[in-house]
Amino acid sequence: MSKKYPKLSNNQTTRLGGLIAVSCGRQPHDWLLNDLIRSEFVSDQSNLTEKGMNELGRLMKLLGISVGYLNDEPEIQATSDQRSPDNTACTR
């Protein structure tokens, strides 16, 4: 019997990608960044807002990925089931 992993909708997947990009210090496509700013997930300075950090955590939790915080910066790591031996955390 194969293990079923949770899935996100297309909108949730796109939003998650944008939030991860911003949390890693990268800039997503302009249309996505503008949508994240309009939704108040990202500030005008391209930093995650509290609402954005909560949404990132919620979407990651749905996928079984933990989000820790190191010096108030998100640190994203896969759960032990998803982690490969060469896994590295997403940090700035």
PDB file of N, CA and C in Angstrom:
ATOM      1  N   MET A   1       0.842  -1.176   0.000  1.00  0.00           N
ATOM      2  CA  MET A   1       0.000   0.000   0.000  1.00  0.00           C
ATOM      3  C   MET A   1       0.892   1.246   0.000  1.00  0.00           C
ATOM      4  N   SER A   2       0.655   2.149  -0.915  1.00  0.00           N
ATOM      5  CA  SER A   2       1.484   3.348  -0.991  1.00  0.00           C
ATOM      6  C   SER A   2       0.956   4.416  -0.041  1.00  0.00           C
ATOM      7  N   LYS A   3       1.886   5.222   0.456  1.00  0.00           N
ATOM      8  CA  LYS A   3       1.549   6.290   1.378  1.00  0.00           C
ATOM      9  C   LYS A   3       1.073   7.506   0.584  1.00  0.00           C
ATOM     10  N   LYS A   4      -0.076   8.065   0.941  1.00  0.00           N
ATOM     11  CA  LYS A   4      -0.595   9.237   0.251  1.00  0.00           C
ATOM     12  C   LYS A   4      -0.122  10.494   0.960  1.00  0.00           C
ATOM     13  N   TYR A   5       0.457  11.394   0.193  1.00  0.00           N
ATOM     14  CA  TYR A   5       0.910  12.658   0.750  1.00  0.00           C
ATOM     15  C   TYR A   5      -0.140  13.724   0.496  1.00  0.00           C
ATOM     16  N   PRO A   6      -0.272  14.688   1.414  1.00  0.00           N
ATOM     17  CA  PRO A   6      -1.264  15.740   1.229  1.00  0.00           C
ATOM     18  C   PRO A   6      -0.920  16.606   0.018  1.00  0.00           C
ATOM     19  N   LYS A   7      -1.936  17.189  -0.579  1.00  0.00           N
ATOM     20  CA  LYS A   7      -1.743  18.046  -1.748  1.00  0.00           C
ATOM     21  C   LYS A   7      -2.310  19.421  -1.464  1.00  0.00           C
ATOM     22  N   LEU A   8      -1.706  20.413  -2.070  1.00  0.00           N
ATOM     23  CA  LEU A   8      -2.207  21.775  -1.996  1.00  0.00           C
ATOM     24  C   LEU A   8      -2.885  22.111  -3.324  1.00  0.00           C
ATOM     25  N   SER A   9      -3.798  23.078  -3.291  1.00  0.00           N
ATOM     26  CA  SER A   9      -4.412  23.550  -4.528  1.00  0.00           C
ATOM     27  C   SER A   9      -3.356  24.316  -5.339  1.00  0.00           C
ATOM     28  N   ASN A  10      -3.664  24.606  -6.582  1.00  0.00           N
ATOM     29  CA  ASN A  10      -2.736  25.379  -7.414  1.00  0.00           C
ATOM     30  C   ASN A  10      -2.450  26.748  -6.800  1.00  0.00           C
ATOM     31  N   ASN A  11      -3.486  27.411  -6.294  1.00  0.00           N
ATOM     32  CA  ASN A  11      -3.293  28.723  -5.667  1.00  0.00           C
ATOM     33  C   ASN A  11      -2.423  28.625  -4.426  1.00  0.00           C
ATOM     34  N   GLN A  12      -2.655  27.610  -3.602  1.00  0.00           N
ATOM     35  CA  GLN A  12      -1.853  27.431  -2.399  1.00  0.00           C
ATOM     36  C   GLN A  12      -0.398  27.126  -2.747  1.00  0.00           C
ATOM     37  N   THR A  13      -0.184  26.317  -3.777  1.00  0.00           N
ATOM     38  CA  THR A  13       1.170  25.972  -4.197  1.00  0.00           C
ATOM     39  C   THR A  13       1.920  27.209  -4.692  1.00  0.00           C
ATOM     40  N   THR A  14       1.244  28.033  -5.478  1.00  0.00           N
ATOM     41  CA  THR A  14       1.854  29.264  -5.981  1.00  0.00           C
ATOM     42  C   THR A  14       2.186  30.201  -4.833  1.00  0.00           C
ATOM     43  N   ARG A  15       1.237  30.370  -3.900  1.00  0.00           N
ATOM     44  CA  ARG A  15       1.454  31.234  -2.743  1.00  0.00           C
ATOM     45  C   ARG A  15       2.620  30.725  -1.901  1.00  0.00           C
ATOM     46  N   LEU A  16       2.671  29.412  -1.688  1.00  0.00           N
ATOM     47  CA  LEU A  16       3.756  28.814  -0.907  1.00  0.00           C
ATOM     48  C   LEU A  16       5.108  29.083  -1.564  1.00  0.00           C
ATOM     49  N   GLY A  17       5.186  28.925  -2.881  1.00  0.00           N
ATOM     50  CA  GLY A  17       6.432  29.201  -3.584  1.00  0.00           C
ATOM     51  C   GLY A  17       6.889  30.634  -3.410  1.00  0.00           C
ATOM     52  N   GLY A  18       5.950  31.567  -3.488  1.00  0.00           N
ATOM     53  CA  GLY A  18       6.283  32.980  -3.288  1.00  0.00           C
ATOM     54  C   GLY A  18       6.738  33.266  -1.872  1.00  0.00           C
ATOM     55  N   LEU A  19       6.056  32.686  -0.889  1.00  0.00           N
ATOM     56  CA  LEU A  19       6.436  32.896   0.515  1.00  0.00           C
ATOM     57  C   LEU A  19       7.809  32.304   0.815  1.00  0.00           C
ATOM     58  N   ILE A  20       8.101  31.141   0.258  1.00  0.00           N
ATOM     59  CA  ILE A  20       9.423  30.532   0.458  1.00  0.00           C
ATOM     60  C   ILE A  20      10.495  31.411  -0.187  1.00  0.00           C
ATOM     61  N   ALA A  21      10.228  31.899  -1.398  1.00  0.00           N
ATOM     62  CA  ALA A  21      11.206  32.758  -2.071  1.00  0.00           C
ATOM     63  C   ALA A  21      11.517  33.989  -1.221  1.00  0.00           C
ATOM     64  N   VAL A  22      10.483  34.653  -0.716  1.00  0.00           N
ATOM     65  CA  VAL A  22      10.685  35.849   0.099  1.00  0.00           C
ATOM     66  C   VAL A  22      11.425  35.506   1.386  1.00  0.00           C
ATOM     67  N   SER A  23      11.062  34.398   2.032  1.00  0.00           N
ATOM     68  CA  SER A  23      11.714  34.032   3.291  1.00  0.00           C
ATOM     69  C   SER A  23      13.178  33.662   3.086  1.00  0.00           C
ATOM     70  N   CYS A  24      13.553  33.272   1.861  1.00  0.00           N
ATOM     71  CA  CYS A  24      14.944  32.930   1.542  1.00  0.00           C
ATOM     72  C   CYS A  24      15.707  34.119   0.948  1.00  0.00           C
ATOM     73  N   GLY A  25      15.086  35.295   0.963  1.00  0.00           N
ATOM     74  CA  GLY A  25      15.758  36.490   0.466  1.00  0.00           C
ATOM     75  C   GLY A  25      15.742  36.642  -1.043  1.00  0.00           C
ATOM     76  N   ARG A  26      14.886  35.920  -1.711  1.00  0.00           N
ATOM     77  CA  ARG A  26      14.767  36.020  -3.165  1.00  0.00           C
ATOM     78  C   ARG A  26      13.491  36.786  -3.507  1.00  0.00           C
ATOM     79  N   GLN A  27      13.420  37.304  -4.700  1.00  0.00           N
ATOM     80  CA  GLN A  27      12.219  38.026  -5.120  1.00  0.00           C
ATOM     81  C   GLN A  27      11.454  37.184  -6.131  1.00  0.00           C
ATOM     82  N   PRO A  28      10.198  36.853  -5.815  1.00  0.00           N
ATOM     83  CA  PRO A  28       9.384  36.101  -6.782  1.00  0.00           C
ATOM     84  C   PRO A  28       9.009  36.993  -7.962  1.00  0.00           C
ATOM     85  N   HIS A  29       8.372  36.420  -8.963  1.00  0.00           N
ATOM     86  CA  HIS A  29       7.893  37.194 -10.110  1.00  0.00           C
ATOM     87  C   HIS A  29       7.065  38.380  -9.613  1.00  0.00           C
ATOM     88  N   ASP A  30       7.105  39.467 -10.363  1.00  0.00           N
ATOM     89  CA  ASP A  30       6.402  40.688  -9.955  1.00  0.00           C
ATOM     90  C   ASP A  30       4.922  40.452  -9.696  1.00  0.00           C
ATOM     91  N   TRP A  31       4.242  39.683 -10.557  1.00  0.00           N
ATOM     92  CA  TRP A  31       2.805  39.453 -10.379  1.00  0.00           C
ATOM     93  C   TRP A  31       2.523  38.712  -9.076  1.00  0.00           C
ATOM     94  N   LEU A  32       3.425  37.789  -8.710  1.00  0.00           N
ATOM     95  CA  LEU A  32       3.236  37.034  -7.470  1.00  0.00           C
ATOM     96  C   LEU A  32       3.561  37.903  -6.265  1.00  0.00           C
ATOM     97  N   LEU A  33       4.643  38.675  -6.345  1.00  0.00           N
ATOM     98  CA  LEU A  33       5.003  39.572  -5.252  1.00  0.00           C
ATOM     99  C   LEU A  33       3.891  40.583  -4.999  1.00  0.00           C
ATOM    100  N   ASN A  34       3.325  41.154  -6.074  1.00  0.00           N
ATOM    101  CA  ASN A  34       2.226  42.106  -5.919  1.00  0.00           C
ATOM    102  C   ASN A  34       1.016  41.461  -5.262  1.00  0.00           C
ATOM    103  N   ASP A  35       0.721  40.218  -5.623  1.00  0.00           N
ATOM    104  CA  ASP A  35      -0.394  39.496  -5.012  1.00  0.00           C
ATOM    105  C   ASP A  35      -0.128  39.254  -3.525  1.00  0.00           C
ATOM    106  N   LEU A  36       1.099  38.891  -3.171  1.00  0.00           N
ATOM    107  CA  LEU A  36       1.449  38.661  -1.764  1.00  0.00           C
ATOM    108  C   LEU A  36       1.373  39.958  -0.963  1.00  0.00           C
ATOM    109  N   ILE A  37       1.777  41.068  -1.571  1.00  0.00           N
ATOM    110  CA  ILE A  37       1.689  42.370  -0.895  1.00  0.00           C
ATOM    111  C   ILE A  37       0.225  42.766  -0.714  1.00  0.00           C
ATOM    112  N   ARG A  38      -0.593  42.594  -1.768  1.00  0.00           N
ATOM    113  CA  ARG A  38      -2.028  42.905  -1.681  1.00  0.00           C
ATOM    114  C   ARG A  38      -2.721  42.090  -0.602  1.00  0.00           C
ATOM    115  N   SER A  39      -2.308  40.836  -0.450  1.00  0.00           N
ATOM    116  CA  SER A  39      -2.905  39.949   0.554  1.00  0.00           C
ATOM    117  C   SER A  39      -2.302  40.145   1.937  1.00  0.00           C
ATOM    118  N   GLU A  40      -1.361  41.088   2.042  1.00  0.00           N
ATOM    119  CA  GLU A  40      -0.697  41.441   3.306  1.00  0.00           C
ATOM    120  C   GLU A  40       0.148  40.306   3.872  1.00  0.00           C
ATOM    121  N   PHE A  41       0.670  39.431   3.003  1.00  0.00           N
ATOM    122  CA  PHE A  41       1.599  38.382   3.426  1.00  0.00           C
ATOM    123  C   PHE A  41       3.033  38.894   3.396  1.00  0.00           C
ATOM    124  N   VAL A  42       3.283  39.918   2.588  1.00  0.00           N
ATOM    125  CA  VAL A  42       4.619  40.490   2.417  1.00  0.00           C
ATOM    126  C   VAL A  42       4.500  41.999   2.541  1.00  0.00           C
ATOM    127  N   SER A  43       5.488  42.625   3.215  1.00  0.00           N
ATOM    128  CA  SER A  43       5.493  44.079   3.340  1.00  0.00           C
ATOM    129  C   SER A  43       6.051  44.705   2.062  1.00  0.00           C
ATOM    130  N   ASP A  44       5.945  46.012   1.964  1.00  0.00           N
ATOM    131  CA  ASP A  44       6.473  46.714   0.796  1.00  0.00           C
ATOM    132  C   ASP A  44       7.985  46.558   0.670  1.00  0.00           C
ATOM    133  N   GLN A  45       8.660  46.231   1.766  1.00  0.00           N
ATOM    134  CA  GLN A  45      10.112  46.040   1.751  1.00  0.00           C
ATOM    135  C   GLN A  45      10.486  44.598   1.431  1.00  0.00           C
ATOM    136  N   SER A  46       9.535  43.826   0.957  1.00  0.00           N
ATOM    137  CA  SER A  46       9.746  42.415   0.590  1.00  0.00           C
ATOM    138  C   SER A  46      10.195  41.557   1.763  1.00  0.00           C
ATOM    139  N   ASN A  47       9.583  41.783   2.918  1.00  0.00           N
ATOM    140  CA  ASN A  47       9.773  40.932   4.098  1.00  0.00           C
ATOM    141  C   ASN A  47       8.439  40.296   4.446  1.00  0.00           C
ATOM    142  N   LEU A  48       8.486  39.087   4.990  1.00  0.00           N
ATOM    143  CA  LEU A  48       7.242  38.448   5.420  1.00  0.00           C
ATOM    144  C   LEU A  48       6.642  39.212   6.591  1.00  0.00           C
ATOM    145  N   THR A  49       5.345  39.439   6.539  1.00  0.00           N
ATOM    146  CA  THR A  49       4.635  40.021   7.669  1.00  0.00           C
ATOM    147  C   THR A  49       4.280  38.891   8.633  1.00  0.00           C
ATOM    148  N   GLU A  50       3.716  39.234   9.762  1.00  0.00           N
ATOM    149  CA  GLU A  50       3.277  38.194  10.697  1.00  0.00           C
ATOM    150  C   GLU A  50       2.225  37.302  10.040  1.00  0.00           C
ATOM    151  N   LYS A  51       1.328  37.919   9.280  1.00  0.00           N
ATOM    152  CA  LYS A  51       0.309  37.153   8.554  1.00  0.00           C
ATOM    153  C   LYS A  51       0.974  36.223   7.541  1.00  0.00           C
ATOM    154  N   GLY A  52       2.031  36.696   6.883  1.00  0.00           N
ATOM    155  CA  GLY A  52       2.765  35.883   5.918  1.00  0.00           C
ATOM    156  C   GLY A  52       3.476  34.709   6.579  1.00  0.00           C
ATOM    157  N   MET A  53       4.072  34.947   7.753  1.00  0.00           N
ATOM    158  CA  MET A  53       4.739  33.865   8.483  1.00  0.00           C
ATOM    159  C   MET A  53       3.724  32.817   8.938  1.00  0.00           C
ATOM    160  N   ASN A  54       2.555  33.283   9.365  1.00  0.00           N
ATOM    161  CA  ASN A  54       1.504  32.343   9.771  1.00  0.00           C
ATOM    162  C   ASN A  54       1.017  31.509   8.589  1.00  0.00           C
ATOM    163  N   GLU A  55       0.856  32.143   7.428  1.00  0.00           N
ATOM    164  CA  GLU A  55       0.406  31.427   6.233  1.00  0.00           C
ATOM    165  C   GLU A  55       1.474  30.436   5.770  1.00  0.00           C
ATOM    166  N   LEU A  56       2.732  30.839   5.816  1.00  0.00           N
ATOM    167  CA  LEU A  56       3.825  29.936   5.458  1.00  0.00           C
ATOM    168  C   LEU A  56       3.805  28.714   6.364  1.00  0.00           C
ATOM    169  N   GLY A  57       3.673  28.953   7.660  1.00  0.00           N
ATOM    170  CA  GLY A  57       3.619  27.848   8.614  1.00  0.00           C
ATOM    171  C   GLY A  57       2.419  26.942   8.394  1.00  0.00           C
ATOM    172  N   ARG A  58       1.269  27.543   8.084  1.00  0.00           N
ATOM    173  CA  ARG A  58       0.044  26.763   7.855  1.00  0.00           C
ATOM    174  C   ARG A  58       0.194  25.860   6.625  1.00  0.00           C
ATOM    175  N   LEU A  59       0.682  26.432   5.530  1.00  0.00           N
ATOM    176  CA  LEU A  59       0.829  25.645   4.303  1.00  0.00           C
ATOM    177  C   LEU A  59       1.884  24.551   4.468  1.00  0.00           C
ATOM    178  N   MET A  60       2.969  24.879   5.154  1.00  0.00           N
ATOM    179  CA  MET A  60       4.016  23.885   5.381  1.00  0.00           C
ATOM    180  C   MET A  60       3.498  22.754   6.268  1.00  0.00           C
ATOM    181  N   LYS A  61       2.721  23.123   7.272  1.00  0.00           N
ATOM    182  CA  LYS A  61       2.170  22.111   8.172  1.00  0.00           C
ATOM    183  C   LYS A  61       1.245  21.160   7.414  1.00  0.00           C
ATOM    184  N   LEU A  62       0.477  21.705   6.467  1.00  0.00           N
ATOM    185  CA  LEU A  62      -0.391  20.854   5.649  1.00  0.00           C
ATOM    186  C   LEU A  62       0.411  19.813   4.878  1.00  0.00           C
ATOM    187  N   LEU A  63       1.643  20.172   4.510  1.00  0.00           N
ATOM    188  CA  LEU A  63       2.510  19.266   3.759  1.00  0.00           C
ATOM    189  C   LEU A  63       3.399  18.410   4.658  1.00  0.00           C
ATOM    190  N   GLY A  64       3.363  18.648   5.965  1.00  0.00           N
ATOM    191  CA  GLY A  64       4.194  17.880   6.882  1.00  0.00           C
ATOM    192  C   GLY A  64       5.618  18.378   6.962  1.00  0.00           C
ATOM    193  N   ILE A  65       5.833  19.662   6.660  1.00  0.00           N
ATOM    194  CA  ILE A  65       7.159  20.268   6.728  1.00  0.00           C
ATOM    195  C   ILE A  65       7.166  21.242   7.887  1.00  0.00           C
ATOM    196  N   SER A  66       8.203  21.185   8.711  1.00  0.00           N
ATOM    197  CA  SER A  66       8.255  22.065   9.872  1.00  0.00           C
ATOM    198  C   SER A  66       8.983  23.361   9.536  1.00  0.00           C
ATOM    199  N   VAL A  67       8.527  24.444  10.160  1.00  0.00           N
ATOM    200  CA  VAL A  67       9.168  25.745  10.012  1.00  0.00           C
ATOM    201  C   VAL A  67       9.633  26.164  11.397  1.00  0.00           C
ATOM    202  N   GLY A  68      10.929  26.302  11.559  1.00  0.00           N
ATOM    203  CA  GLY A  68      11.489  26.807  12.803  1.00  0.00           C
ATOM    204  C   GLY A  68      11.945  28.233  12.583  1.00  0.00           C
ATOM    205  N   TYR A  69      12.295  28.898  13.652  1.00  0.00           N
ATOM    206  CA  TYR A  69      12.760  30.278  13.541  1.00  0.00           C
ATOM    207  C   TYR A  69      14.090  30.397  14.254  1.00  0.00           C
ATOM    208  N   LEU A  70      15.068  30.944  13.540  1.00  0.00           N
ATOM    209  CA  LEU A  70      16.402  31.159  14.066  1.00  0.00           C
ATOM    210  C   LEU A  70      16.669  32.652  13.950  1.00  0.00           C
ATOM    211  N   ASN A  71      16.799  33.329  15.087  1.00  0.00           N
ATOM    212  CA  ASN A  71      16.984  34.789  15.094  1.00  0.00           C
ATOM    213  C   ASN A  71      15.866  35.496  14.340  1.00  0.00           C
ATOM    214  N   ASP A  72      14.628  35.067  14.585  1.00  0.00           N
ATOM    215  CA  ASP A  72      13.426  35.636  13.964  1.00  0.00           C
ATOM    216  C   ASP A  72      13.363  35.449  12.456  1.00  0.00           C
ATOM    217  N   GLU A  73      14.199  34.591  11.898  1.00  0.00           N
ATOM    218  CA  GLU A  73      14.158  34.276  10.474  1.00  0.00           C
ATOM    219  C   GLU A  73      13.648  32.852  10.307  1.00  0.00           C
ATOM    220  N   PRO A  74      12.718  32.620   9.368  1.00  0.00           N
ATOM    221  CA  PRO A  74      12.222  31.261   9.167  1.00  0.00           C
ATOM    222  C   PRO A  74      13.331  30.329   8.685  1.00  0.00           C
ATOM    223  N   GLU A  75      13.347  29.137   9.227  1.00  0.00           N
ATOM    224  CA  GLU A  75      14.274  28.098   8.795  1.00  0.00           C
ATOM    225  C   GLU A  75      13.414  26.901   8.417  1.00  0.00           C
ATOM    226  N   ILE A  76      13.439  26.526   7.161  1.00  0.00           N
ATOM    227  CA  ILE A  76      12.532  25.513   6.643  1.00  0.00           C
ATOM    228  C   ILE A  76      13.267  24.191   6.507  1.00  0.00           C
ATOM    229  N   GLN A  77      12.695  23.142   7.103  1.00  0.00           N
ATOM    230  CA  GLN A  77      13.278  21.820   6.990  1.00  0.00           C
ATOM    231  C   GLN A  77      12.177  20.801   6.793  1.00  0.00           C
ATOM    232  N   ALA A  78      12.483  19.769   6.042  1.00  0.00           N
ATOM    233  CA  ALA A  78      11.533  18.684   5.837  1.00  0.00           C
ATOM    234  C   ALA A  78      11.440  17.856   7.111  1.00  0.00           C
ATOM    235  N   THR A  79      10.322  17.171   7.284  1.00  0.00           N
ATOM    236  CA  THR A  79      10.193  16.257   8.398  1.00  0.00           C
ATOM    237  C   THR A  79      11.100  15.062   8.155  1.00  0.00           C
ATOM    238  N   SER A  80      11.310  14.237   9.156  1.00  0.00           N
ATOM    239  CA  SER A  80      12.250  13.122   9.025  1.00  0.00           C
ATOM    240  C   SER A  80      11.850  12.156   7.913  1.00  0.00           C
ATOM    241  N   ASP A  81      10.547  12.018   7.637  1.00  0.00           N
ATOM    242  CA  ASP A  81      10.095  11.144   6.545  1.00  0.00           C
ATOM    243  C   ASP A  81      10.515  11.681   5.175  1.00  0.00           C
ATOM    244  N   GLN A  82      10.609  12.995   5.056  1.00  0.00           N
ATOM    245  CA  GLN A  82      10.891  13.614   3.770  1.00  0.00           C
ATOM    246  C   GLN A  82      12.352  14.009   3.607  1.00  0.00           C
ATOM    247  N   ARG A  83      13.130  13.969   4.680  1.00  0.00           N
ATOM    248  CA  ARG A  83      14.496  14.461   4.655  1.00  0.00           C
ATOM    249  C   ARG A  83      15.437  13.472   3.988  1.00  0.00           C
ATOM    250  N   SER A  84      16.241  13.973   3.083  1.00  0.00           N
ATOM    251  CA  SER A  84      17.271  13.147   2.468  1.00  0.00           C
ATOM    252  C   SER A  84      18.594  13.397   3.193  1.00  0.00           C
ATOM    253  N   PRO A  85      19.565  12.531   3.061  1.00  0.00           N
ATOM    254  CA  PRO A  85      20.833  12.704   3.773  1.00  0.00           C
ATOM    255  C   PRO A  85      21.547  14.017   3.452  1.00  0.00           C
ATOM    256  N   ASP A  86      21.348  14.547   2.265  1.00  0.00           N
ATOM    257  CA  ASP A  86      22.036  15.790   1.890  1.00  0.00           C
ATOM    258  C   ASP A  86      21.140  17.014   2.011  1.00  0.00           C
ATOM    259  N   ASN A  87      20.076  16.930   2.816  1.00  0.00           N
ATOM    260  CA  ASN A  87      19.140  18.026   2.986  1.00  0.00           C
ATOM    261  C   ASN A  87      19.825  19.216   3.655  1.00  0.00           C
ATOM    262  N   THR A  88      19.551  20.396   3.149  1.00  0.00           N
ATOM    263  CA  THR A  88      20.049  21.608   3.785  1.00  0.00           C
ATOM    264  C   THR A  88      18.875  22.527   4.050  1.00  0.00           C
ATOM    265  N   ALA A  89      18.981  23.316   5.105  1.00  0.00           N
ATOM    266  CA  ALA A  89      17.921  24.253   5.459  1.00  0.00           C
ATOM    267  C   ALA A  89      17.978  25.456   4.538  1.00  0.00           C
ATOM    268  N   CYS A  90      16.829  26.088   4.320  1.00  0.00           N
ATOM    269  CA  CYS A  90      16.744  27.300   3.519  1.00  0.00           C
ATOM    270  C   CYS A  90      17.014  28.473   4.447  1.00  0.00           C
ATOM    271  N   THR A  91      18.156  29.087   4.323  1.00  0.00           N
ATOM    272  CA  THR A  91      18.484  30.253   5.128  1.00  0.00           C
ATOM    273  C   THR A  91      18.996  31.353   4.231  1.00  0.00           C
ATOM    274  N   ARG A  92      18.949  32.574   4.719  1.00  0.00           N
ATOM    275  CA  ARG A  92      19.418  33.712   3.915  1.00  0.00           C
ATOM    276  C   ARG A  92      20.899  33.733   3.822  1.00  0.00           C
TER     277      ARG A  92
END
